[in-house]
Amino acid sequence: MFGCMDIQSGDYPCLLKEIKDPPKRLYYKGNFNSNIFESCVSVVGSRIISNSNKRIIKHLFSTLSKSITIVSGFMSGVDAEAHKQALNFGLKTIAVMPCGIDHIHPENQVDLYNEILCSDGLVISEYDYDFKPEVWSYPRRNRIVAGIAKVTVVIEAKLNSGSLITARLANYYGRRVLVPKVPSPLSGGISLLKNEFAEDIESGVQINEYIEMFNKNRLEKKNFVEYQLGFFDG
């Protein structure tokens, strides 16, 4: 199943509408259900992943609520591992592409691409179906990865990496940014994020709690606004 939703559509991800520069439309491939966008957690990192960070992802995902959807950028390394472990633990996953949804990139991840689609996941992009990735389309993609999620987890990141861009965008959008309590010695970007705004994470249970807190705060804000509107209308 494939299609395209514009920003006026009721199925368009609500959180993504709130960012400064949301995509005007999203192309998608997969068994579409708008509930998949309800509780997204973005997981990002470097394109080379250490065994210790593979274990961290597996540990975190083992205690995540089944209502959570894992979002990542489909690149090799941390992205691919996040998608794989999401599938392994029965979680939905969304691949946000820097290219069109018909262009599998990297090409050696055809099996992962198909497994995502066969497991009720989604492949999404703001670009036309056969658009090939450009240098500028990767950082543009990062704002979708950050904007669609309530929480962003940075597993591994070098200084000046794309993962830091995603993390800073998530923080700018008012979303929580989490990093491993004991990062890889080669992950200088994690230490930098800790000094700026990121919080330590040790368990997926923390992510579940942050999602619940996010939902509670949104509901309280919505109720307060509705109360004010009712008060002034009355």
Foldseek 3Di string as FASTA:
>chain_A
DKDKDAPPDPLPQPLLNPAPDHQRMKIKAADDDSLQLVAEEEEDEDQAEDPVLLVQLLQALQPADQSYEYEYALHHYRRLSNLVSCVVNLHQYEHEYLFALQDDPPPVCPVSSVSNRVSRHMYMYSYHRGGDHDPVSLLVSLLCSLRSHQEYEYEAAAPPDSSLSSQVSNVVSVHAYEYAPDHDPRRPVVVVCVVPHHYHDDHNVVVVVSSVVVVVVVVVVVVVVVVVVVVVVD
